[in-house]
N, C-alpha and C. Protein backbone atom coordinates (compact mmCIF):
# COMPACT_ATOMS: atom_id res chain seq x y z
N MET A 1 -7.09 20.31 -16.36
CA MET A 1 -6.34 19.75 -15.63
C MET A 1 -5.51 18.25 -16.19
N GLY A 2 -4.36 18.91 -17.00
CA GLY A 2 -3.79 17.74 -17.85
C GLY A 2 -3.11 16.55 -16.69
N SER A 3 -2.81 15.36 -17.84
CA SER A 3 -2.39 14.47 -16.99
C SER A 3 -0.79 14.40 -16.57
N LYS A 4 -0.79 13.50 -15.83
CA LYS A 4 0.95 14.10 -14.87
C LYS A 4 1.60 12.69 -15.87
N HIS A 5 2.93 12.30 -15.96
CA HIS A 5 3.70 11.53 -16.52
C HIS A 5 4.19 11.09 -15.30
N TYR A 6 4.17 9.51 -14.91
CA TYR A 6 4.79 9.12 -14.01
C TYR A 6 5.80 8.16 -14.52
N PRO A 7 7.30 8.14 -13.79
CA PRO A 7 8.07 6.86 -14.66
C PRO A 7 8.27 5.65 -14.19
N ASP A 8 8.58 5.24 -15.01
CA ASP A 8 8.25 3.60 -15.03
C ASP A 8 8.69 2.98 -13.76
N GLU A 9 9.56 3.63 -13.21
CA GLU A 9 10.16 3.16 -11.49
C GLU A 9 8.84 3.66 -10.74
N PHE A 10 8.89 4.92 -11.01
CA PHE A 10 7.42 4.89 -10.03
C PHE A 10 6.30 3.55 -10.08
N ARG A 11 5.99 3.83 -11.17
CA ARG A 11 4.62 3.18 -11.75
C ARG A 11 4.91 1.61 -10.78
N ARG A 12 6.23 0.99 -10.83
CA ARG A 12 6.56 -0.39 -10.80
C ARG A 12 6.84 -0.80 -9.11
N SER A 13 6.92 0.53 -8.69
CA SER A 13 7.19 0.44 -7.34
C SER A 13 5.67 0.58 -6.57
N ALA A 14 4.57 1.52 -7.18
CA ALA A 14 3.21 1.01 -6.44
C ALA A 14 2.71 0.21 -6.99
N VAL A 15 2.55 -0.62 -8.06
CA VAL A 15 2.13 -1.90 -8.35
C VAL A 15 3.30 -2.80 -7.22
N GLU A 16 3.97 -2.98 -7.12
CA GLU A 16 4.85 -3.70 -6.00
C GLU A 16 4.39 -3.60 -4.57
N LEU A 17 4.04 -2.30 -4.09
CA LEU A 17 3.38 -2.60 -3.04
C LEU A 17 1.74 -2.45 -2.91
N TYR A 18 1.19 -2.76 -4.09
CA TYR A 18 0.16 -3.14 -3.71
C TYR A 18 -0.12 -4.69 -3.73
N ARG A 19 0.94 -5.34 -4.41
CA ARG A 19 0.88 -6.71 -4.64
C ARG A 19 1.41 -7.06 -3.63
N ASP A 20 2.76 -6.62 -2.52
CA ASP A 20 2.82 -7.21 -1.56
C ASP A 20 2.31 -6.79 -0.11
N ASN A 21 1.09 -5.97 -0.09
CA ASN A 21 0.45 -5.81 1.02
C ASN A 21 -0.63 -6.25 0.95
N PRO A 22 -0.99 -7.45 1.63
CA PRO A 22 -2.28 -7.82 1.07
C PRO A 22 -3.79 -7.06 1.96
N THR A 23 -3.65 -6.02 2.93
CA THR A 23 -4.20 -5.15 3.58
C THR A 23 -4.46 -3.98 2.61
N ALA A 24 -3.49 -3.93 1.72
CA ALA A 24 -3.28 -2.10 0.98
C ALA A 24 -4.37 -2.05 0.02
N THR A 25 -5.16 -1.52 -0.09
CA THR A 25 -6.41 -0.40 -1.22
C THR A 25 -5.52 0.14 -1.95
N ILE A 26 -6.41 0.08 -3.20
CA ILE A 26 -5.53 1.15 -4.67
C ILE A 26 -6.04 2.53 -3.87
N ALA A 27 -7.07 2.43 -3.83
CA ALA A 27 -7.58 4.02 -3.00
C ALA A 27 -6.46 4.43 -1.98
N GLY A 28 -5.87 3.82 -0.77
CA GLY A 28 -5.27 3.78 0.18
C GLY A 28 -3.88 4.51 -0.72
N ILE A 29 -3.54 3.18 -1.53
CA ILE A 29 -2.26 3.64 -2.04
C ILE A 29 -2.29 4.92 -2.90
N ALA A 30 -3.24 5.01 -3.85
CA ALA A 30 -3.20 5.98 -4.48
C ALA A 30 -3.13 7.44 -3.44
N LYS A 31 -3.77 7.37 -2.82
CA LYS A 31 -3.89 8.77 -2.20
C LYS A 31 -2.48 9.15 -1.35
N ASP A 32 -1.79 8.11 -0.58
CA ASP A 32 -0.93 8.26 -0.44
C ASP A 32 0.56 8.80 -0.94
N LEU A 33 0.67 8.50 -2.21
CA LEU A 33 1.30 8.08 -3.39
C LEU A 33 1.14 9.57 -4.03
N GLY A 34 -0.03 10.11 -4.15
CA GLY A 34 -0.63 11.57 -4.82
C GLY A 34 -1.05 11.15 -6.83
N CYS A 35 -1.23 9.79 -6.54
CA CYS A 35 -1.41 9.48 -7.88
C CYS A 35 -3.10 8.93 -8.02
N SER A 36 -4.00 9.33 -9.30
CA SER A 36 -5.39 8.57 -9.05
C SER A 36 -5.31 7.52 -8.99
N LYS A 37 -6.35 6.35 -8.36
CA LYS A 37 -6.93 5.28 -8.30
C LYS A 37 -7.06 4.83 -9.42
N HIS A 38 -7.41 5.32 -10.45
CA HIS A 38 -8.05 5.25 -11.92
C HIS A 38 -6.38 4.56 -12.57
N ALA A 39 -5.54 5.06 -12.01
CA ALA A 39 -4.30 5.12 -12.97
C ALA A 39 -3.45 3.96 -12.12
N LEU A 40 -3.68 3.86 -11.06
CA LEU A 40 -2.99 2.73 -10.26
C LEU A 40 -3.48 1.13 -10.42
N ALA A 41 -4.65 1.61 -10.75
CA ALA A 41 -5.80 0.09 -10.95
C ALA A 41 -5.44 -0.13 -12.31
N ALA A 42 -5.00 0.60 -13.49
CA ALA A 42 -4.45 0.80 -14.82
C ALA A 42 -3.00 -0.02 -14.45
N TRP A 43 -2.44 0.29 -13.80
CA TRP A 43 -0.91 -0.01 -13.93
C TRP A 43 -0.65 -1.68 -13.18
N ILE A 44 -2.03 -1.44 -12.65
CA ILE A 44 -2.05 -2.84 -11.35
C ILE A 44 -2.68 -4.18 -12.33
N ASN A 45 -3.23 -3.65 -13.29
CA ASN A 45 -4.01 -4.45 -14.26
C ASN A 45 -3.17 -4.73 -15.58
N ALA A 46 -1.98 -3.78 -15.51
CA ALA A 46 -1.19 -3.87 -17.16
C ALA A 46 -0.06 -4.82 -16.09
N ALA A 47 0.39 -4.94 -15.40
CA ALA A 47 1.26 -5.57 -14.66
C ALA A 47 0.78 -7.08 -14.34
N GLY A 48 -0.26 -7.60 -14.45
CA GLY A 48 -1.50 -8.66 -14.78
C GLY A 48 -1.11 -9.07 -12.60
N VAL A 49 -1.51 -8.04 -12.13
CA VAL A 49 -1.41 -8.29 -10.95
C VAL A 49 -3.06 -8.45 -10.28
N PRO A 50 -3.48 -9.44 -9.74
CA PRO A 50 -5.10 -9.38 -9.76
C PRO A 50 -5.68 -9.03 -8.88
N MET A 51 -6.56 -8.26 -8.95
CA MET A 51 -7.03 -7.52 -8.23
C MET A 51 -8.04 -7.70 -7.00
N ARG A 52 -7.70 -7.22 -5.68
CA ARG A 52 -8.14 -7.70 -4.52
C ARG A 52 -10.18 -6.79 -4.14
N GLY A 53 -10.21 -7.13 -3.28
CA GLY A 53 -12.19 -6.66 -3.17
C GLY A 53 -11.64 -5.24 -2.57
N THR A 54 -12.60 -4.17 -2.94
CA THR A 54 -12.44 -2.99 -2.26
C THR A 54 -12.76 -2.82 -0.74
N ARG A 55 -13.72 -3.59 -0.04
CA ARG A 55 -14.69 -3.76 1.20
C ARG A 55 -13.65 -4.21 2.14
N GLY A 56 -13.67 -3.69 3.65
CA GLY A 56 -12.80 -4.57 4.39
C GLY A 56 -11.45 -4.46 4.51
N SER A 57 -10.44 -3.22 4.16
CA SER A 57 -9.48 -3.25 3.71
C SER A 57 -8.49 -4.14 5.05
N ARG A 58 -9.19 -4.18 6.10
CA ARG A 58 -8.41 -4.53 7.19
C ARG A 58 -8.88 -5.54 8.09
N PRO A 59 -8.33 -6.36 8.72
CA PRO A 59 -9.10 -7.73 9.51
C PRO A 59 -9.20 -6.77 10.71
N ALA A 60 -10.68 -7.25 11.26
CA ALA A 60 -11.19 -6.99 12.33
C ALA A 60 -10.51 -8.02 13.34
N VAL A 61 -9.99 -7.47 14.58
CA VAL A 61 -9.66 -8.17 15.40
C VAL A 61 -10.29 -7.83 17.19
N ALA A 62 -10.77 -8.64 17.16
CA ALA A 62 -11.46 -8.76 18.42
C ALA A 62 -10.88 -9.25 19.40
N VAL A 63 -11.00 -8.10 20.68
CA VAL A 63 -10.86 -8.54 21.87
C VAL A 63 -11.46 -8.79 22.99
N ILE A 64 -11.56 -10.28 22.95
CA ILE A 64 -12.43 -10.76 24.52
C ILE A 64 -11.59 -10.45 25.73
N SER A 65 -12.97 -10.24 26.70
CA SER A 65 -12.17 -9.90 28.05
C SER A 65 -11.99 -11.59 28.79
N SER A 66 -12.49 -12.47 28.14
CA SER A 66 -12.04 -13.78 29.26
C SER A 66 -11.74 -14.65 28.06
N GLU A 67 -10.64 -14.30 27.65
CA GLU A 67 -10.01 -15.23 26.39
C GLU A 67 -9.06 -16.19 26.95
N THR A 68 -8.67 -17.34 26.46
CA THR A 68 -7.85 -18.55 27.13
C THR A 68 -6.15 -18.02 26.92
N PRO A 69 -5.45 -18.56 27.21
CA PRO A 69 -3.81 -17.90 26.96
C PRO A 69 -3.89 -18.89 25.91
N GLN A 70 -4.35 -19.60 25.21
CA GLN A 70 -4.09 -19.97 23.65
C GLN A 70 -5.39 -18.92 22.90
N GLU A 71 -5.68 -18.72 22.71
CA GLU A 71 -6.80 -17.56 22.42
C GLU A 71 -6.01 -16.20 22.57
N GLU A 72 -5.40 -16.11 23.18
CA GLU A 72 -4.21 -14.69 23.33
C GLU A 72 -3.28 -14.58 22.54
N LEU A 73 -2.79 -15.87 22.71
CA LEU A 73 -1.50 -15.81 21.70
C LEU A 73 -2.43 -16.25 20.35
N VAL A 74 -3.38 -16.47 19.80
CA VAL A 74 -3.68 -16.56 18.60
C VAL A 74 -3.89 -14.88 17.61
N ARG A 75 -4.52 -14.07 19.00
CA ARG A 75 -5.21 -13.22 18.84
C ARG A 75 -3.79 -11.83 18.67
N LEU A 76 -2.52 -12.66 19.39
CA LEU A 76 -1.45 -11.60 19.81
C LEU A 76 -0.80 -11.48 18.19
N ARG A 77 -0.52 -12.89 17.68
CA ARG A 77 -0.13 -12.99 16.86
C ARG A 77 -0.50 -12.30 15.60
N THR A 78 -1.75 -12.61 15.48
CA THR A 78 -2.56 -11.76 14.23
C THR A 78 -2.36 -10.29 14.30
N GLU A 79 -2.24 -9.69 15.38
CA GLU A 79 -1.95 -8.38 15.29
C GLU A 79 -0.48 -8.01 15.42
N ASN A 80 0.18 -8.98 16.06
CA ASN A 80 1.78 -8.73 15.26
C ASN A 80 2.11 -8.99 14.00
N GLN A 81 1.33 -9.80 12.93
CA GLN A 81 1.34 -9.87 11.41
C GLN A 81 0.96 -8.75 10.89
N ALA A 82 -0.12 -8.47 11.22
CA ALA A 82 -1.22 -7.47 10.42
C ALA A 82 -0.04 -5.92 11.08
N LEU A 83 0.81 -5.58 12.01
CA LEU A 83 1.38 -4.78 12.20
C LEU A 83 2.88 -5.08 11.61
N ARG A 84 3.65 -5.51 11.55
CA ARG A 84 4.30 -5.71 10.32
C ARG A 84 3.94 -5.73 9.09
N ALA A 85 3.01 -6.17 8.38
CA ALA A 85 2.72 -5.54 7.21
C ALA A 85 2.36 -4.43 6.92
N GLU A 86 1.79 -3.46 8.09
CA GLU A 86 1.51 -2.30 8.07
C GLU A 86 3.00 -1.36 8.06
N LYS A 87 3.97 -1.68 8.93
CA LYS A 87 5.36 -1.30 8.69
C LYS A 87 6.29 -1.29 7.59
N THR A 88 5.87 -2.41 6.99
CA THR A 88 6.42 -3.00 5.29
C THR A 88 5.74 -2.30 4.60
N LYS A 89 4.21 -1.72 4.34
CA LYS A 89 3.84 -0.95 4.01
C LYS A 89 4.32 0.30 4.02
N LEU A 90 4.23 1.18 5.18
CA LEU A 90 4.64 2.44 5.68
C LEU A 90 6.38 2.97 5.07
N THR A 91 7.02 1.49 5.13
CA THR A 91 8.64 1.53 4.95
C THR A 91 8.55 2.06 3.42
N THR A 92 7.76 0.86 2.52
CA THR A 92 7.87 1.20 1.00
C THR A 92 7.51 2.13 0.72
N GLU A 93 6.35 2.97 1.12
CA GLU A 93 5.97 4.07 0.44
C GLU A 93 7.13 5.23 0.97
N ARG A 94 7.12 5.09 2.12
CA ARG A 94 8.96 6.33 2.42
C ARG A 94 9.77 6.73 0.84
N ASP A 95 9.76 4.81 0.83
CA ASP A 95 11.16 5.08 -0.09
C ASP A 95 10.62 5.30 -1.45
N ILE A 96 9.23 5.14 -2.02
CA ILE A 96 9.00 5.63 -3.29
C ILE A 96 8.58 6.81 -3.45
N LEU A 97 8.22 7.72 -1.68
CA LEU A 97 7.74 9.00 -2.03
C LEU A 97 9.32 10.09 -2.22
N ARG A 98 10.28 9.36 -1.66
CA ARG A 98 11.35 9.70 -1.64
C ARG A 98 11.97 9.66 -2.90
N GLN A 99 12.14 8.38 -3.63
CA GLN A 99 12.55 8.40 -4.87
C GLN A 99 11.85 9.61 -6.32
N ALA A 100 10.47 9.74 -5.23
CA ALA A 100 9.86 10.84 -6.47
C ALA A 100 10.16 11.59 -6.23
N ALA A 101 10.50 12.61 -4.99
CA ALA A 101 10.80 13.83 -4.66
C ALA A 101 12.25 13.99 -5.13
N ARG A 102 13.01 12.91 -4.92
CA ARG A 102 14.50 12.64 -6.03
C ARG A 102 13.74 13.54 -7.57
N TYR A 103 13.45 12.76 -7.75
CA TYR A 103 13.04 12.71 -9.31
C TYR A 103 12.37 13.87 -9.43
N PHE A 104 11.28 14.24 -9.23
CA PHE A 104 10.42 15.85 -9.54
C PHE A 104 11.98 17.04 -9.09
N ALA A 105 12.18 16.88 -8.15
CA ALA A 105 13.41 18.24 -7.87
C ALA A 105 14.09 17.94 -9.04
N GLY A 106 14.73 16.97 -9.68
CA GLY A 106 15.52 17.00 -10.96
C GLY A 106 14.96 17.52 -11.89
N GLU A 107 13.97 18.11 -11.90
CA GLU A 107 12.98 18.31 -13.17
C GLU A 107 13.02 19.59 -13.03
N THR A 108 12.94 20.27 -12.00
CA THR A 108 13.11 21.78 -12.12
C THR A 108 13.78 22.53 -12.46
N ARG A 109 13.92 23.30 -13.02
CA ARG A 109 14.27 24.42 -13.57
C ARG A 109 15.01 25.59 -13.16
N TRP A 110 15.60 26.13 -12.15
CA TRP A 110 15.42 28.04 -11.48
C TRP A 110 16.46 28.24 -12.22
């Protein structure tokens, strides 16, 4: 199987996606973008972005049945922050995939 050539803009966007989403993992982003996790890790290293741990990609949110209003507020704020990060990740991934689709559609010779 031959290696794929990804445009520099695609690589930069993938690295940016990893850097800007603290809950994102290399394996998850690579799977979503259709590239290998080894290639993505190499792009991240080349960009000088520090690597995060691979275990526990999402913070666990414990639901307590007898929580005080203050505890509920903290839990809901944490959950809201996680949901906003997920929305940002999905929006960025969608934009990257749209750019990649336009790029690769331009390469076809019908």
